[in-house]
């Protein structure tokens, strides 16, 4: 087992739990009278594919996923059963109007042209089908306190930028959808929840890994605030 891929998989599992209520909201907007075909762009290790198959059980006739990374796709095929294709989200290898439901999840920050990805997602969505960006963080609106956590969060942001991440896409999702021709786009921001210690520990561990700082320790006597606003958008084609 590749420990790097396994660590990514665990991170994707945590992220999938955060957006479960929104997925259930979206399923209500899919056809109920026939099985539907689905595509995840940037499927990673297949976590969200598994979630969707389980949550929309019995109503899917085909589910596919694309990712640039061959290693995560190989891991995904060992874990789940779906059509896994190595491809770029900016040039999807599918015909026009191939799927009833096309979605991505924490993807656009890793693309240099999110508008091109959404354009391609729209192209392969069938008329009357649903296209959704389920989660896109906006680190430009990050809030972290006290000062020690602020500094760590800022280091993480700089580290992600060095890796090529575009960290301010979240609040632009509605505008991006409208720019590619979606006139009925619905966009918004997930409500802020309480930050418990387990969640905080997970996020700090991720920040430390991202920026290579090992010295930060959680002080049980300190009240921490950590929030990265996360946005969504969806539209019927």
Protein backbone atom coordinates (compact mmCIF):
# COMPACT_ATOMS: atom_id res chain seq x y z
CA UNK A 1 0.00 0.00 0.00
CA UNK A 2 1.37 3.41 -1.01
CA UNK A 3 1.36 5.49 2.21
CA UNK A 4 1.17 8.77 0.28
CA UNK A 5 -1.94 7.66 -1.60
CA UNK A 6 -3.45 6.18 1.56
CA UNK A 7 -3.01 9.52 3.33
CA UNK A 8 -4.73 11.29 0.45
CA UNK A 9 -7.55 8.76 0.63
CA UNK A 10 -8.10 9.47 4.33
CA UNK A 11 -8.19 13.20 3.62
CA UNK A 12 -10.75 12.67 0.87
CA UNK A 13 -12.85 10.57 3.27
CA UNK A 14 -12.93 13.45 5.75
CA UNK A 15 -13.89 15.93 3.04
CA UNK A 16 -16.67 13.67 1.78
CA UNK A 17 -18.32 13.70 5.21
CA UNK A 18 -18.47 17.49 5.22
CA UNK A 19 -20.61 17.66 2.07
CA UNK A 20 -22.97 14.71 2.59
CA UNK A 21 -26.06 16.85 3.35
CA UNK A 22 -25.52 18.84 0.16
CA UNK A 23 -25.23 15.68 -1.93
CA UNK A 24 -28.57 14.48 -0.60
CA UNK A 25 -30.04 17.86 -1.53
CA UNK A 26 -28.73 17.46 -5.09
CA UNK A 27 -30.08 13.93 -5.48
CA UNK A 28 -33.60 15.29 -5.09
CA UNK A 29 -33.04 17.26 -8.30
CA UNK A 30 -32.16 14.19 -10.37
CA UNK A 31 -34.70 12.14 -12.36
CA UNK A 32 -36.61 9.68 -10.19
CA UNK A 33 -38.22 7.71 -12.98
CA UNK A 34 -35.06 6.24 -14.55
CA UNK A 35 -31.47 5.28 -13.68
CA UNK A 36 -28.98 8.07 -14.34
CA UNK A 37 -25.40 8.25 -15.57
CA UNK A 38 -22.86 10.18 -13.51
CA UNK A 39 -19.35 11.57 -13.89
CA UNK A 40 -16.97 12.87 -11.25
CA UNK A 41 -14.22 15.14 -12.57
CA UNK A 42 -11.11 14.81 -10.41
CA UNK A 43 -12.24 11.58 -8.74
CA UNK A 44 -9.01 10.93 -6.84
CA UNK A 45 -9.12 7.65 -4.94
CA UNK A 46 -12.81 7.11 -5.66
CA UNK A 47 -14.14 8.21 -2.26
CA UNK A 48 -16.96 10.33 -3.62
CA UNK A 49 -17.85 7.75 -6.27
CA UNK A 50 -18.37 5.24 -3.45
CA UNK A 51 -20.44 7.75 -1.47
CA UNK A 52 -22.69 8.57 -4.42
CA UNK A 53 -23.18 4.90 -5.31
CA UNK A 54 -24.23 4.16 -1.74
CA UNK A 55 -26.39 7.25 -1.22
CA UNK A 56 -28.14 7.01 -4.60
CA UNK A 57 -28.28 3.22 -4.49
CA UNK A 58 -30.18 1.47 -7.25
CA UNK A 59 -30.67 4.63 -9.33
CA UNK A 60 -27.39 4.69 -11.27
CA UNK A 61 -26.86 2.89 -14.57
CA UNK A 62 -23.31 4.15 -15.11
CA UNK A 63 -20.77 6.05 -13.03
CA UNK A 64 -17.39 7.24 -14.28
CA UNK A 65 -14.51 9.21 -12.88
CA UNK A 66 -11.57 11.02 -14.42
CA UNK A 67 -8.30 12.12 -12.86
CA UNK A 68 -4.87 13.11 -14.14
CA UNK A 69 -3.08 11.01 -11.53
CA UNK A 70 -2.66 7.37 -12.61
CA UNK A 71 -1.63 6.32 -9.09
CA UNK A 72 -4.84 7.47 -7.42
CA UNK A 73 -6.90 5.88 -10.20
CA UNK A 74 -5.17 2.54 -9.66
CA UNK A 75 -5.93 2.84 -5.95
CA UNK A 76 -9.54 3.73 -6.75
CA UNK A 77 -10.03 0.68 -8.97
CA UNK A 78 -8.84 -1.55 -6.12
CA UNK A 79 -11.40 0.03 -3.77
CA UNK A 80 -14.49 0.50 -5.90
CA UNK A 81 -16.15 -0.46 -9.17
CA UNK A 82 -16.57 2.31 -11.73
CA UNK A 83 -15.19 3.45 -15.07
CA UNK A 84 -11.89 5.14 -14.23
CA UNK A 85 -10.25 7.22 -16.95
CA UNK A 86 -6.97 9.10 -16.85
CA UNK A 87 -7.83 12.48 -18.33
CA UNK A 88 -7.65 16.22 -17.89
CA UNK A 89 -10.78 17.97 -16.62
CA UNK A 90 -10.14 20.70 -19.17
CA UNK A 91 -10.45 18.18 -22.02
CA UNK A 92 -12.86 15.43 -21.07
CA UNK A 93 -12.78 12.34 -23.33
CA UNK A 94 -16.56 12.05 -23.62
CA UNK A 95 -19.11 13.07 -26.22
CA UNK A 96 -21.44 16.00 -25.76
CA UNK A 97 -24.36 15.32 -23.43
CA UNK A 98 -23.11 11.99 -22.07
CA UNK A 99 -24.21 12.19 -18.40
CA UNK A 100 -27.24 13.25 -16.39
CA UNK A 101 -25.12 14.32 -13.39
CA UNK A 102 -21.60 15.78 -13.62
CA UNK A 103 -19.82 16.99 -10.52
CA UNK A 104 -16.50 17.82 -8.90
CA UNK A 105 -15.39 18.12 -5.28
CA UNK A 106 -12.44 20.18 -3.99
CA UNK A 107 -11.00 20.26 -7.51
CA UNK A 108 -10.94 23.75 -9.00
CA UNK A 109 -8.24 25.09 -6.69
CA UNK A 110 -5.88 22.63 -8.42
CA UNK A 111 -6.70 23.80 -11.96
CA UNK A 112 -5.20 26.85 -13.66
CA UNK A 113 -8.41 27.49 -15.62
CA UNK A 114 -11.55 26.64 -13.58
CA UNK A 115 -13.69 28.21 -16.29
CA UNK A 116 -12.45 25.64 -18.82
CA UNK A 117 -13.23 22.79 -16.41
CA UNK A 118 -16.79 24.04 -15.86
CA UNK A 119 -17.18 24.54 -19.62
CA UNK A 120 -16.22 20.90 -20.19
CA UNK A 121 -18.49 19.72 -17.39
CA UNK A 122 -21.36 21.62 -19.00
CA UNK A 123 -20.56 20.17 -22.43
CA UNK A 124 -20.80 16.54 -21.29
CA UNK A 125 -23.96 17.16 -19.21
CA UNK A 126 -27.19 16.17 -20.92
CA UNK A 127 -29.88 18.77 -21.55
CA UNK A 128 -31.97 18.78 -18.39
CA UNK A 129 -29.09 17.22 -16.44
CA UNK A 130 -27.37 18.59 -13.37
CA UNK A 131 -23.88 20.07 -13.15
CA UNK A 132 -22.40 20.79 -9.72
CA UNK A 133 -19.28 22.02 -7.99
CA UNK A 134 -19.91 20.46 -4.60
CA UNK A 135 -17.16 22.16 -2.61
CA UNK A 136 -14.57 24.82 -3.31
CA UNK A 137 -12.68 26.46 -0.43
CA UNK A 138 -11.75 30.13 -0.51
CA UNK A 139 -8.56 30.72 1.44
CA UNK A 140 -8.77 34.43 0.74
CA UNK A 141 -11.52 34.53 3.37
CA UNK A 142 -9.73 32.28 5.87
CA UNK A 143 -10.13 33.09 9.56
CA UNK A 144 -7.67 31.69 12.11
CA UNK A 145 -7.07 32.75 15.72
CA UNK A 146 -5.08 33.15 17.95
CA UNK A 147 -1.95 34.59 16.36
CA UNK A 148 0.00 31.33 16.54
CA UNK A 149 -2.67 29.57 14.46
CA UNK A 150 -2.91 32.56 12.12
CA UNK A 151 0.80 32.25 11.35
CA UNK A 152 0.50 28.51 10.72
CA UNK A 153 -2.49 29.05 8.43
CA UNK A 154 -0.60 31.70 6.48
CA UNK A 155 2.32 29.31 6.05
CA UNK A 156 -0.06 26.68 4.71
CA UNK A 157 -1.55 29.15 2.22
CA UNK A 158 1.92 30.03 0.92
CA UNK A 159 2.84 26.34 0.70
CA UNK A 160 -0.32 25.55 -1.29
CA UNK A 161 0.38 28.46 -3.62
CA UNK A 162 3.88 27.11 -4.22
CA UNK A 163 2.26 23.81 -5.22
CA UNK A 164 0.20 25.69 -7.80
CA UNK A 165 -3.13 25.94 -5.98
CA UNK A 166 -5.50 28.78 -6.84
CA UNK A 167 -6.98 29.54 -3.48
CA UNK A 168 -9.60 32.24 -4.10
CA UNK A 169 -12.03 30.52 -6.48
CA UNK A 170 -14.79 29.79 -3.99
CA UNK A 171 -16.66 33.08 -3.93
CA UNK A 172 -16.51 33.25 -7.77
CA UNK A 173 -18.40 30.00 -8.48
CA UNK A 174 -21.70 31.64 -9.37
CA UNK A 175 -19.94 34.07 -11.69
CA UNK A 176 -17.99 31.21 -13.29
CA UNK A 177 -21.16 29.20 -13.94
CA UNK A 178 -22.87 32.20 -15.52
CA UNK A 179 -19.80 32.96 -17.65
CA UNK A 180 -20.07 29.57 -19.39
CA UNK A 181 -23.77 29.97 -20.13
CA UNK A 182 -25.63 28.64 -17.08
CA UNK A 183 -28.47 31.09 -16.54
CA UNK A 184 -30.14 29.29 -13.63
CA UNK A 185 -27.12 28.76 -11.39
CA UNK A 186 -27.60 28.48 -7.64
CA UNK A 187 -24.51 29.23 -5.56
CA UNK A 188 -23.75 29.72 -1.90
CA UNK A 189 -21.48 29.09 1.04
CA UNK A 190 -21.69 26.28 3.57
CA UNK A 191 -22.68 27.43 7.02
CA UNK A 192 -19.95 27.69 9.55
CA UNK A 193 -20.03 24.92 12.14
CA UNK A 194 -18.49 24.48 15.55
CA UNK A 195 -14.78 23.68 15.61
CA UNK A 196 -14.26 20.70 17.89
CA UNK A 197 -10.84 19.53 19.01
CA UNK A 198 -10.78 16.44 16.81
CA UNK A 199 -11.51 18.50 13.71
CA UNK A 200 -8.98 21.13 14.75
CA UNK A 201 -6.32 18.45 15.29
CA UNK A 202 -7.00 17.03 11.80
CA UNK A 203 -6.76 20.45 10.18
CA UNK A 204 -3.59 21.41 12.04
CA UNK A 205 -2.03 18.09 11.08
CA UNK A 206 -2.84 18.86 7.44
CA UNK A 207 -1.44 22.38 7.74
CA UNK A 208 1.77 21.06 9.26
CA UNK A 209 2.11 18.51 6.47
CA UNK A 210 1.46 21.14 3.80
CA UNK A 211 4.05 23.62 5.05
CA UNK A 212 6.57 21.34 6.80
CA UNK A 213 6.31 22.93 10.26
CA UNK A 214 6.54 20.51 13.17
CA UNK A 215 6.57 22.81 16.20
CA UNK A 216 2.88 23.70 16.57
CA UNK A 217 1.05 22.13 19.52
CA UNK A 218 -2.58 22.53 20.49
CA UNK A 219 -2.99 24.21 23.87
CA UNK A 220 -6.04 22.77 25.61
CA UNK A 221 -6.47 26.04 27.50
CA UNK A 222 -6.81 28.11 24.33
CA UNK A 223 -10.01 28.65 22.33
CA UNK A 224 -9.18 28.35 18.64
CA UNK A 225 -11.03 29.72 15.63
CA UNK A 226 -10.33 28.15 12.26
CA UNK A 227 -12.62 28.59 9.29
CA UNK A 228 -12.08 28.37 5.52
CA UNK A 229 -15.35 29.40 3.80
CA UNK A 230 -16.35 26.65 1.38
CA UNK A 231 -18.67 27.37 -1.54
CA UNK A 232 -20.89 25.33 -3.84
CA UNK A 233 -22.72 25.92 -7.12
CA UNK A 234 -25.06 23.89 -9.28
CA UNK A 235 -27.24 24.36 -12.32
CA UNK A 236 -29.58 22.45 -14.59
CA UNK A 237 -28.44 22.52 -18.21
